[in-house]
Structures are given as C-alpha cells and as structure tokens.
N, C-alpha and C. Protein backbone atom coordinates (compact mmCIF):
# COMPACT_ATOMS: atom_id res chain seq x y z
N UNK A 1 44.06 153.66 44.22
CA UNK A 1 42.89 152.85 44.47
C UNK A 1 41.48 152.15 44.20
N UNK A 2 41.85 151.18 44.54
CA UNK A 2 41.00 149.90 43.75
C UNK A 2 39.55 150.52 44.23
N UNK A 3 38.40 150.78 42.86
CA UNK A 3 37.16 150.79 42.91
C UNK A 3 36.31 149.47 43.96
N UNK A 4 35.22 149.63 44.30
CA UNK A 4 34.09 147.83 45.43
C UNK A 4 34.31 147.07 43.97
N UNK A 5 33.70 147.19 42.86
CA UNK A 5 33.89 146.14 41.94
C UNK A 5 35.28 145.57 41.55
N UNK A 6 36.35 146.56 41.59
CA UNK A 6 37.51 145.71 41.27
C UNK A 6 38.10 145.29 42.67
N UNK A 7 37.73 145.50 43.48
CA UNK A 7 38.10 144.33 45.08
C UNK A 7 37.63 143.25 45.24
N UNK A 8 36.05 143.31 44.58
CA UNK A 8 35.25 141.74 44.91
C UNK A 8 35.66 141.04 43.93
N UNK A 9 36.19 141.84 42.42
CA UNK A 9 36.30 140.82 41.35
C UNK A 9 37.75 140.59 41.93
N UNK A 10 38.67 140.81 42.47
CA UNK A 10 40.48 140.72 42.76
C UNK A 10 39.75 139.98 43.54
N UNK A 11 39.16 139.83 44.93
CA UNK A 11 39.17 138.88 46.09
C UNK A 11 38.48 137.67 45.41
N UNK A 12 37.47 137.56 44.35
CA UNK A 12 36.84 136.41 43.62
C UNK A 12 38.48 135.61 43.29
N UNK A 13 39.44 136.26 42.50
CA UNK A 13 40.76 135.80 41.88
C UNK A 13 41.50 135.72 42.79
N UNK A 14 41.38 135.88 44.66
CA UNK A 14 42.31 135.93 45.52
C UNK A 14 43.03 136.36 45.25
N UNK A 15 43.21 137.95 44.82
CA UNK A 15 44.69 138.35 44.75
C UNK A 15 44.64 139.08 46.02
N UNK A 16 46.05 138.54 46.87
CA UNK A 16 45.97 139.68 48.30
C UNK A 16 45.86 141.10 48.56
N UNK A 17 46.01 141.74 47.52
CA UNK A 17 45.54 143.26 47.83
C UNK A 17 44.21 143.73 47.63
N UNK A 18 43.07 142.77 46.92
CA UNK A 18 41.75 143.21 47.36
C UNK A 18 41.34 142.46 48.39
N UNK A 19 41.88 141.21 48.49
CA UNK A 19 41.69 140.92 49.81
C UNK A 19 42.07 141.80 50.98
N UNK A 20 43.50 142.67 51.39
CA UNK A 20 43.61 143.43 52.37
C UNK A 20 42.72 144.25 52.51
N UNK A 21 42.20 145.15 51.06
CA UNK A 21 41.59 146.49 51.01
C UNK A 21 40.11 146.23 51.49
N UNK A 22 39.50 144.58 51.31
CA UNK A 22 38.29 144.91 51.83
C UNK A 22 37.84 144.20 53.08
N UNK A 23 39.39 143.34 53.62
CA UNK A 23 39.65 143.47 54.82
C UNK A 23 39.21 144.92 55.62
N UNK A 24 40.49 145.52 55.32
CA UNK A 24 40.67 146.53 55.95
C UNK A 24 39.40 147.42 55.98
N UNK A 25 38.24 147.64 54.77
CA UNK A 25 37.09 148.08 54.45
C UNK A 25 35.71 147.75 55.34
N UNK A 26 36.33 146.43 55.55
CA UNK A 26 34.89 146.35 56.59
C UNK A 26 35.01 145.60 58.04
N UNK A 27 36.39 145.42 58.28
CA UNK A 27 36.52 144.79 59.72
C UNK A 27 35.76 145.23 60.84
N UNK A 28 35.65 146.87 60.61
CA UNK A 28 35.23 147.71 61.46
C UNK A 28 33.31 147.33 61.75
N UNK A 29 32.60 147.07 60.52
CA UNK A 29 31.11 146.71 60.73
C UNK A 29 31.30 145.86 60.86
N UNK A 30 32.18 144.41 60.47
CA UNK A 30 31.68 143.04 61.20
C UNK A 30 31.93 142.79 62.61
N UNK A 31 32.87 143.80 62.42
CA UNK A 31 33.09 143.64 64.47
C UNK A 31 32.09 144.21 65.44
N UNK A 32 31.20 145.00 64.30
CA UNK A 32 29.97 145.55 65.34
C UNK A 32 29.02 144.52 65.11
N UNK A 33 28.99 143.79 63.84
CA UNK A 33 27.49 142.51 64.07
C UNK A 33 28.20 141.83 64.84
N UNK A 34 29.18 141.71 64.65
CA UNK A 34 29.32 140.50 66.08
C UNK A 34 29.32 140.31 67.37
N UNK A 35 29.50 142.04 67.62
CA UNK A 35 29.68 142.41 68.85
C UNK A 35 27.84 142.39 69.14
N UNK A 36 27.11 142.50 68.49
CA UNK A 36 25.63 142.18 69.20
C UNK A 36 25.61 140.99 69.59
N UNK A 37 26.21 139.92 68.81
CA UNK A 37 25.59 138.74 69.85
C UNK A 37 26.68 138.63 70.84
N UNK A 38 28.20 138.56 70.74
CA UNK A 38 29.33 138.01 71.78
C UNK A 38 29.34 139.21 72.11
N UNK A 39 29.83 139.07 73.17
CA UNK A 39 30.21 139.99 74.55
C UNK A 39 31.48 140.20 74.86
N UNK A 40 32.60 139.14 74.81
CA UNK A 40 33.57 138.93 74.71
C UNK A 40 34.34 139.40 73.68
N UNK A 41 35.19 140.55 73.42
CA UNK A 41 35.98 141.32 72.22
C UNK A 41 36.99 140.40 71.84
N UNK A 42 37.49 139.56 72.71
CA UNK A 42 38.68 138.74 72.04
C UNK A 42 37.99 137.36 70.90
N UNK A 43 36.79 137.04 70.96
CA UNK A 43 35.77 136.43 70.97
C UNK A 43 35.69 136.61 69.99
N UNK A 44 35.33 137.99 69.59
CA UNK A 44 34.43 138.94 68.48
C UNK A 44 35.68 138.87 67.40
N UNK A 45 36.75 139.01 68.27
CA UNK A 45 38.06 139.74 67.07
C UNK A 45 38.02 137.89 66.11
N UNK A 46 38.53 137.15 66.81
CA UNK A 46 38.63 135.55 66.39
C UNK A 46 37.03 135.64 65.36
N UNK A 47 36.59 135.71 65.67
CA UNK A 47 35.23 134.84 64.55
C UNK A 47 35.27 136.40 63.64
N UNK A 48 36.03 137.41 63.97
CA UNK A 48 35.77 138.84 62.13
C UNK A 48 36.80 137.60 61.62
N UNK A 49 37.56 136.99 62.05
CA UNK A 49 38.83 136.52 61.17
C UNK A 49 38.50 135.33 60.51
N UNK A 50 37.46 135.12 61.41
CA UNK A 50 36.75 133.32 60.85
C UNK A 50 35.71 133.91 59.04
N UNK A 51 35.31 134.71 59.81
CA UNK A 51 34.17 135.35 58.82
C UNK A 51 34.53 135.50 57.67
N UNK A 52 35.83 136.29 57.57
CA UNK A 52 36.51 136.96 56.46
C UNK A 52 37.41 135.70 55.43
N UNK A 53 37.58 134.65 56.72
CA UNK A 53 37.93 133.50 55.64
C UNK A 53 36.26 132.97 55.11
N UNK A 54 35.82 133.22 55.61
CA UNK A 54 34.56 132.37 54.47
C UNK A 54 34.04 133.21 53.51
N UNK A 55 34.34 134.70 53.75
CA UNK A 55 33.56 135.46 52.64
C UNK A 55 34.45 135.08 51.73
N UNK A 56 36.21 135.00 51.87
CA UNK A 56 37.11 134.89 50.78
C UNK A 56 36.71 133.93 50.30
N UNK A 57 36.45 132.57 51.02
CA UNK A 57 35.63 131.26 50.10
C UNK A 57 35.03 131.35 49.76
N UNK A 58 33.81 132.08 49.74
CA UNK A 58 32.75 132.12 49.03
C UNK A 58 32.12 133.17 48.37
N UNK A 59 33.13 134.04 47.63
CA UNK A 59 32.91 135.16 47.38
C UNK A 59 32.65 135.19 45.62
N UNK A 60 32.84 134.02 44.99
CA UNK A 60 32.63 133.77 43.95
C UNK A 60 30.92 133.33 43.87
N UNK A 61 30.15 133.00 45.33
CA UNK A 61 29.01 133.15 45.13
C UNK A 61 28.22 134.55 45.18
N UNK A 62 29.02 135.50 45.61
CA UNK A 62 28.04 136.73 46.02
C UNK A 62 27.65 136.97 44.57
N UNK A 63 26.43 137.81 44.41
CA UNK A 63 26.01 138.35 43.43
C UNK A 63 26.13 139.65 43.32
N UNK A 64 26.90 140.19 42.49
CA UNK A 64 26.84 141.93 42.67
C UNK A 64 26.24 142.59 41.81
N UNK A 65 25.16 143.75 42.54
CA UNK A 65 23.79 143.87 41.49
C UNK A 65 24.98 144.91 40.30
N UNK A 66 23.74 145.28 39.29
CA UNK A 66 23.91 145.79 38.34
C UNK A 66 24.13 147.39 38.67
N UNK A 67 23.03 147.60 39.77
CA UNK A 67 23.02 148.93 40.09
C UNK A 67 23.95 149.57 40.77
N UNK A 68 24.44 150.01 40.55
CA UNK A 68 25.95 150.57 41.15
C UNK A 68 25.61 151.27 42.79
N UNK A 69 24.61 151.52 43.02
CA UNK A 69 23.73 151.78 44.29
C UNK A 69 23.70 151.39 45.26
N UNK A 70 23.55 150.29 44.83
CA UNK A 70 23.32 148.88 45.63
C UNK A 70 24.28 147.41 45.81
N UNK A 71 24.92 148.43 45.15
CA UNK A 71 26.59 146.97 45.33
C UNK A 71 27.09 146.73 47.16
N UNK A 72 27.10 147.90 47.38
CA UNK A 72 27.69 148.15 48.90
C UNK A 72 26.56 147.57 49.85
N UNK A 73 25.34 148.10 49.76
CA UNK A 73 24.11 147.68 50.45
C UNK A 73 24.68 145.90 50.70
N UNK A 74 24.04 145.33 49.28
CA UNK A 74 24.69 144.15 48.66
C UNK A 74 25.06 143.32 49.54
N UNK A 75 26.76 144.08 49.72
CA UNK A 75 27.09 142.98 49.88
C UNK A 75 27.42 142.99 51.16
N UNK A 76 26.96 144.31 52.36
CA UNK A 76 26.82 144.62 53.66
C UNK A 76 25.96 143.43 53.91
N UNK A 77 24.63 143.17 53.74
CA UNK A 77 23.64 142.51 53.49
C UNK A 77 24.09 140.92 53.77
N UNK A 78 25.26 140.51 52.61
CA UNK A 78 25.38 139.11 52.71
C UNK A 78 26.52 139.27 53.12
N UNK A 79 27.63 139.91 54.24
CA UNK A 79 28.20 139.72 54.67
C UNK A 79 27.60 139.72 56.51
N UNK A 80 26.91 140.52 56.76
CA UNK A 80 26.17 140.32 57.87
C UNK A 80 25.34 139.14 58.10
N UNK A 81 25.05 138.49 57.01
CA UNK A 81 24.55 137.39 57.45
C UNK A 81 25.70 136.54 57.87
N UNK A 82 26.44 136.01 57.39
CA UNK A 82 27.72 135.28 57.74
C UNK A 82 28.13 135.67 58.75
N UNK A 83 28.24 136.71 59.16
CA UNK A 83 28.79 136.89 60.51
C UNK A 83 27.60 136.78 61.44
N UNK A 84 26.43 136.95 61.37
CA UNK A 84 25.32 136.26 62.56
C UNK A 84 25.04 134.87 62.41
N UNK A 85 25.25 134.66 61.46
CA UNK A 85 25.10 132.76 61.46
C UNK A 85 26.19 132.12 61.84
N UNK A 86 27.67 132.69 61.64
CA UNK A 86 28.90 132.08 62.49
C UNK A 86 28.92 132.47 64.11
N UNK A 87 28.40 133.59 64.15
CA UNK A 87 27.70 134.15 65.74
C UNK A 87 27.51 133.01 66.83
N UNK A 88 26.31 132.92 65.82
CA UNK A 88 25.08 132.49 66.33
C UNK A 88 25.99 130.17 66.62
N UNK A 89 26.54 129.77 65.34
CA UNK A 89 27.14 128.80 65.70
C UNK A 89 28.27 128.89 66.94
N UNK A 90 29.25 129.92 67.18
CA UNK A 90 30.02 129.72 68.15
C UNK A 90 28.84 129.93 69.52
N UNK A 91 28.28 130.82 69.45
CA UNK A 91 27.25 130.64 70.72
C UNK A 91 26.66 129.29 70.66
N UNK A 92 26.18 128.52 69.80
CA UNK A 92 26.01 127.40 69.66
C UNK A 92 26.39 126.06 70.93
N UNK A 93 28.31 126.61 70.53
CA UNK A 93 29.06 125.47 70.33
C UNK A 93 29.57 125.85 71.80
N UNK A 94 28.77 126.63 72.40
CA UNK A 94 29.44 127.11 74.24
C UNK A 94 28.89 126.37 74.89
N UNK A 95 29.05 126.17 76.35
CA UNK A 95 28.53 125.11 76.65
C UNK A 95 27.01 125.58 77.30
N UNK A 96 27.20 126.79 77.91
CA UNK A 96 26.07 127.81 78.75
C UNK A 96 25.04 127.90 77.61
N UNK A 97 24.87 127.91 76.57
CA UNK A 97 23.83 127.89 75.73
C UNK A 97 22.58 127.04 75.33
N UNK A 98 23.76 125.96 76.32
CA UNK A 98 22.93 125.05 75.69
C UNK A 98 21.38 124.72 76.33
N UNK A 99 20.73 124.94 77.41
CA UNK A 99 19.81 124.92 78.07
C UNK A 99 18.65 125.97 77.28
N UNK A 100 18.05 125.94 76.83
CA UNK A 100 17.05 126.32 76.31
C UNK A 100 15.54 125.95 76.75
N UNK A 101 14.92 126.41 77.74
CA UNK A 101 13.89 125.89 78.56
C UNK A 101 12.27 126.41 77.38
N UNK A 102 11.98 125.06 77.39
CA UNK A 102 10.76 125.12 76.16
C UNK A 102 9.50 126.41 76.79
N UNK A 103 10.35 127.79 76.55
CA UNK A 103 8.71 128.14 76.84
C UNK A 103 7.46 128.56 76.07
N UNK A 104 6.52 128.80 76.78
CA UNK A 104 5.08 128.69 75.81
C UNK A 104 4.43 130.02 76.25
N UNK A 105 4.01 131.31 74.87
CA UNK A 105 3.37 131.99 75.02
C UNK A 105 2.33 132.28 75.75
N UNK A 106 1.58 131.76 75.85
CA UNK A 106 0.30 132.05 76.89
C UNK A 106 0.88 132.68 78.17
N UNK A 107 1.49 131.98 78.46
CA UNK A 107 2.42 132.06 79.97
C UNK A 107 2.94 133.70 79.73
N UNK A 108 3.25 134.36 78.89
CA UNK A 108 4.24 135.41 78.71
C UNK A 108 3.11 136.63 77.99
N UNK A 109 2.99 137.84 79.15
CA UNK A 109 2.11 139.34 78.66
C UNK A 109 2.32 139.96 77.37
N UNK A 110 2.20 140.00 76.40
CA UNK A 110 2.40 140.18 75.16
C UNK A 110 2.76 141.98 75.94
N UNK A 111 3.61 142.44 74.68
CA UNK A 111 4.92 143.65 75.00
C UNK A 111 4.07 144.67 74.66
N UNK A 112 3.18 145.78 75.85
CA UNK A 112 2.75 146.95 74.68
C UNK A 112 3.17 148.05 74.03
N UNK A 113 4.37 147.94 74.05
CA UNK A 113 5.38 149.38 74.05
C UNK A 113 6.41 148.54 73.22
N UNK A 114 6.34 148.97 71.92
CA UNK A 114 7.13 148.73 71.06
C UNK A 114 8.31 149.08 71.44
N UNK A 115 9.61 148.26 71.81
CA UNK A 115 10.99 149.22 72.56
C UNK A 115 11.78 149.72 71.46
N UNK A 116 11.60 148.94 69.91
CA UNK A 116 12.26 150.17 68.65
C UNK A 116 11.56 150.83 68.24
N UNK A 117 10.61 151.23 68.41
CA UNK A 117 10.20 152.78 68.09
C UNK A 117 10.54 153.61 69.00
N UNK A 118 10.69 153.25 70.28
CA UNK A 118 10.89 153.99 71.48
C UNK A 118 12.20 154.65 71.83
N UNK A 119 13.12 153.35 71.14
CA UNK A 119 14.75 153.65 71.66
C UNK A 119 15.40 154.72 69.86
N UNK A 120 16.37 154.77 69.95
CA UNK A 120 17.45 155.19 68.84
C UNK A 120 18.22 153.87 69.10
N UNK A 121 18.69 153.53 67.46
CA UNK A 121 19.71 152.08 67.61
C UNK A 121 21.01 152.16 68.38
N UNK A 122 21.45 153.55 68.41
CA UNK A 122 22.84 153.52 69.37
C UNK A 122 22.42 153.54 70.75
N UNK A 123 21.28 153.76 71.46
CA UNK A 123 20.67 153.06 72.40
C UNK A 123 20.12 151.85 72.62
N UNK A 124 19.67 151.49 71.79
CA UNK A 124 19.52 150.18 71.27
C UNK A 124 20.43 148.86 72.04
N UNK A 125 21.55 149.06 70.82
CA UNK A 125 23.03 148.62 70.69
C UNK A 125 23.71 148.72 72.67
N UNK A 126 23.61 149.76 72.86
CA UNK A 126 24.22 150.09 74.38
C UNK A 126 22.95 148.67 75.29
N UNK A 127 22.17 148.76 75.62
CA UNK A 127 21.20 148.25 76.20
C UNK A 127 21.15 147.10 75.80
N UNK A 128 21.33 146.29 74.51
CA UNK A 128 21.77 144.86 74.26
C UNK A 128 22.71 144.13 75.36
N UNK A 129 23.37 144.68 75.37
CA UNK A 129 24.69 144.24 76.40
C UNK A 129 24.04 143.43 77.73
N UNK A 130 22.90 144.12 78.07
CA UNK A 130 22.59 143.73 79.36
C UNK A 130 21.44 142.46 78.92
N UNK A 131 21.50 142.37 78.15
CA UNK A 131 20.15 141.31 77.76
C UNK A 131 20.88 139.74 77.93
N UNK A 132 19.99 138.47 78.71
CA UNK A 132 20.92 137.20 79.06
C UNK A 132 21.09 137.31 77.21
N UNK A 133 22.20 136.23 77.40
CA UNK A 133 22.03 135.54 75.57
C UNK A 133 21.38 135.31 74.65
N UNK A 134 20.54 134.54 75.22
CA UNK A 134 19.87 134.21 74.53
C UNK A 134 18.54 135.48 73.92
N UNK A 135 17.93 135.87 74.98
CA UNK A 135 16.97 137.20 74.65
C UNK A 135 17.87 138.14 73.63
N UNK A 136 19.10 138.08 73.48
CA UNK A 136 20.23 139.26 72.76
C UNK A 136 20.10 138.80 71.44
N UNK A 137 20.69 137.67 71.09
CA UNK A 137 20.92 136.61 70.04
C UNK A 137 19.11 136.82 69.44
N UNK A 138 18.04 136.29 69.79
CA UNK A 138 16.68 136.48 68.98
C UNK A 138 16.57 137.84 69.32
N UNK A 139 16.60 138.46 69.80
CA UNK A 139 16.28 140.38 69.79
C UNK A 139 16.59 140.91 68.23
N UNK A 140 18.58 140.63 68.07
CA UNK A 140 19.23 140.75 66.75
C UNK A 140 18.65 140.66 65.74
N UNK A 141 18.31 138.78 65.71
CA UNK A 141 18.31 138.54 64.36
C UNK A 141 16.77 138.41 64.25
N UNK A 142 16.13 138.90 64.49
CA UNK A 142 14.33 139.53 64.85
C UNK A 142 14.60 140.96 64.14
N UNK A 143 15.17 141.95 64.90
CA UNK A 143 14.38 143.30 64.73
C UNK A 143 15.56 143.95 64.36
N UNK A 144 16.99 143.60 64.25
CA UNK A 144 18.08 144.04 62.97
C UNK A 144 18.01 143.21 61.95
N UNK A 145 18.44 141.99 62.16
CA UNK A 145 18.79 141.34 61.60
C UNK A 145 17.67 140.95 59.90
N UNK A 146 16.29 141.21 60.71
CA UNK A 146 15.04 140.57 59.88
C UNK A 146 14.69 139.59 59.31
N UNK A 147 15.32 138.25 60.84
CA UNK A 147 15.06 137.02 60.33
C UNK A 147 13.59 136.89 60.76
N UNK A 148 12.78 135.89 60.34
CA UNK A 148 11.75 135.75 60.86
C UNK A 148 11.23 134.60 61.91
N UNK A 149 10.43 134.44 62.66
CA UNK A 149 10.87 133.25 64.38
C UNK A 149 10.62 131.97 63.13
N UNK A 150 10.02 131.80 62.25
CA UNK A 150 10.68 130.59 61.60
C UNK A 150 12.11 130.42 61.13
N UNK A 151 12.74 131.03 60.49
CA UNK A 151 14.32 131.34 60.45
C UNK A 151 14.87 131.13 61.84
N UNK A 152 14.32 131.78 62.58
CA UNK A 152 14.79 131.85 64.24
C UNK A 152 14.95 130.39 64.55
N UNK A 153 13.82 129.89 64.76
CA UNK A 153 13.86 128.79 65.43
C UNK A 153 14.08 127.97 64.86
N UNK A 154 14.78 127.57 63.38
CA UNK A 154 15.29 126.97 62.47
C UNK A 154 16.78 126.58 62.53
N UNK A 155 17.46 127.79 62.87
CA UNK A 155 18.65 128.62 62.94
C UNK A 155 19.16 128.23 64.75
N UNK A 156 18.13 128.19 65.53
CA UNK A 156 18.12 128.19 66.93
C UNK A 156 18.05 126.88 67.44
N UNK A 157 17.56 125.96 66.47
CA UNK A 157 16.97 124.32 66.79
C UNK A 157 15.84 124.46 67.79
N UNK A 158 15.24 125.76 68.16
CA UNK A 158 13.90 125.68 68.70
C UNK A 158 12.50 125.82 68.89
N UNK A 159 11.68 125.83 69.48
CA UNK A 159 10.21 125.90 68.66
C UNK A 159 9.96 127.51 68.17
N UNK A 160 9.24 127.84 67.05
CA UNK A 160 9.00 129.27 67.21
C UNK A 160 7.99 129.74 67.45
N UNK A 161 7.35 129.58 69.08
CA UNK A 161 6.40 130.18 69.89
C UNK A 161 7.98 130.02 70.65
N UNK A 162 8.72 129.57 71.35
CA UNK A 162 9.61 129.85 72.11
C UNK A 162 10.54 131.03 71.61
N UNK A 163 10.98 131.56 70.16
CA UNK A 163 11.63 132.51 69.43
C UNK A 163 10.61 133.65 69.80
N UNK A 164 9.12 134.15 70.14
CA UNK A 164 8.43 134.87 69.73
C UNK A 164 8.35 135.48 71.41
N UNK A 165 8.51 134.00 72.41
CA UNK A 165 8.19 134.51 74.02
C UNK A 165 9.94 135.36 74.04
N UNK A 166 11.00 134.77 73.72
CA UNK A 166 12.10 134.93 73.68
C UNK A 166 12.48 136.88 73.19
N UNK A 167 11.63 137.01 72.18
CA UNK A 167 11.43 138.39 71.85
C UNK A 167 10.57 138.89 72.65
N UNK A 168 9.68 138.53 73.08
CA UNK A 168 9.05 139.46 74.03
C UNK A 168 9.74 139.99 75.18
N UNK A 169 9.74 138.93 75.74
CA UNK A 169 11.00 139.24 77.07
C UNK A 169 12.39 140.30 76.72
N UNK A 170 12.50 139.86 75.25
CA UNK A 170 13.86 141.34 75.18
C UNK A 170 13.65 141.81 75.38
N UNK A 171 12.08 142.15 74.54
CA UNK A 171 12.21 143.46 74.59
C UNK A 171 11.11 144.69 75.69
N UNK A 172 10.71 143.56 76.64
CA UNK A 172 10.84 143.72 78.31
C UNK A 172 11.28 144.14 79.11
N UNK A 173 12.54 143.32 78.83
CA UNK A 173 13.75 143.71 79.60
C UNK A 173 13.90 145.08 79.05
N UNK A 174 14.25 145.21 77.74
CA UNK A 174 14.58 146.78 77.13
C UNK A 174 13.98 147.73 77.49
N UNK A 175 13.31 147.86 77.60
CA UNK A 175 11.78 148.74 78.25
C UNK A 175 12.24 149.15 79.53
N UNK A 176 12.11 148.30 80.48
CA UNK A 176 12.87 148.13 81.88
C UNK A 176 13.93 148.74 82.15
N UNK A 177 14.89 148.46 81.16
CA UNK A 177 16.54 148.82 80.93
C UNK A 177 16.15 150.61 80.95
N UNK A 178 15.47 150.48 80.01
CA UNK A 178 15.14 152.24 79.00
C UNK A 178 15.04 152.93 80.51
N UNK A 179 13.56 152.47 80.97
CA UNK A 179 12.92 153.21 81.92
C UNK A 179 14.16 153.69 82.90
N UNK A 180 15.14 152.56 83.27
CA UNK A 180 15.66 152.76 84.33
C UNK A 180 16.60 154.13 84.21
N UNK A 181 17.30 153.77 82.86
CA UNK A 181 18.44 154.81 82.18
C UNK A 181 17.82 156.25 82.03
N UNK A 182 16.65 156.31 81.52
CA UNK A 182 15.83 157.87 81.58
C UNK A 182 16.02 158.14 83.14
N UNK A 183 15.38 157.33 83.82
CA UNK A 183 15.03 157.94 85.44
C UNK A 183 16.54 158.62 85.76
N UNK A 184 17.76 157.50 85.73
CA UNK A 184 18.78 158.27 86.23
C UNK A 184 19.49 159.18 85.42
N UNK A 185 19.35 159.36 84.47
CA UNK A 185 19.33 160.77 83.39
C UNK A 185 18.33 161.85 84.00
N UNK A 186 17.09 162.14 84.00
CA UNK A 186 16.47 162.68 84.43
C UNK A 186 16.94 163.02 86.41
N UNK A 187 17.17 162.11 87.20
CA UNK A 187 17.66 162.49 88.53
C UNK A 187 19.03 163.21 88.70
N UNK A 188 19.85 163.01 87.18
CA UNK A 188 20.76 163.25 87.66
C UNK A 188 20.97 164.76 86.94
N UNK A 189 20.29 165.30 86.02
CA UNK A 189 19.92 166.50 85.17
C UNK A 189 18.96 167.33 85.72
N UNK A 190 17.95 166.61 86.21
CA UNK A 190 16.97 167.28 86.49
C UNK A 190 15.98 167.22 85.21
N UNK A 191 14.76 167.78 85.07
CA UNK A 191 13.92 168.06 83.64
C UNK A 191 13.33 169.29 83.32
C-alpha cells in the first residue's frame, strides 16, 4: 500500500496506480463538496471526474507541507478549492443561474441569529438543499469554504454588497427551515 507522499509523487509522475489510489481515496470527499453546490447527482459525479482531471493536470503545483500532520489537510483544502471553483463554473454555465438581481443591503434586515452557531454541520448540509441556488452557493463559499465577500464577488461577478445580502437571506432561510424542522420534530415526539 502506498503512503500519502508516494501517491502524490506518483500522481505528479502520472503513474496510473497512484492516480487510481488518489481517486479511490478522495472520490467520496469531492462528491460531498460538489453536492453542496450542485443538486443533481449525475451532474456532481461528472464534475468529480472533471475535478480529478484538473487535479492530475495541476498536481505538480501542489506544495506538500513538510509537516506530515498537515499534509492531508492541506491537500484536502487544495482539492476542495478546485472542486468549489469547478462547481461555480458549472452553475454559471447553466442558463437558470444568470439573472442576479442587484440587491442592496439596506433593504435587508440583519440576521439576528447566527444559524451556523445553532445548527450542527450535518443539519446545515441537509437544509442547504432547500435554499435557492445563489443562496446555497454563497453560503457554501462564505461559511464552509471560508471565502471573503470580496472573493465571492469576484468569483461570481456580482457586487460585494449582493454577496452579503444573499448570505443574510441564506441564513434567514436556514433559520426558518430549522425552526420548521424542530417544530415538526417536537410535534412528532413531544417534549
């Protein structure tokens, strides 16, 4: 069995065994990242394969940290960024992702409850599927991937203020969905 460093080095040398090992090891991780953006499983599976092609083509650019503890985490962050950008490109290419209304922050109430603090990650990921596409994308980029509003505005070609408003709307919608979920749970099981 190959070690992580050997797999990365083998992929950089385009060795098929190393590429297969990497694919098997990170397919599940990448499909999970992509499904946070793309709802259709078939589209997500196709995107995963596209992302692996990009990874194998650019793996020589990945700088493996010398500290073994951080190698896998650094690699996951690198491939996650490739996956999220590929997902955004895919969504941008769809016709129903085009009309971005120029929203203004002053028209939106500030979110009083930080949804991220009141939900665990598994709950958030389930509820994200119920958000409108733009809300889901911006929530993922900001809250999960750690992008700034400036980076999001550049990636999506929208004003920075729109990114902030979409994030607020996403959080408000998540809070509403969460409250409905908890009300249904309490109604079903009692308190």
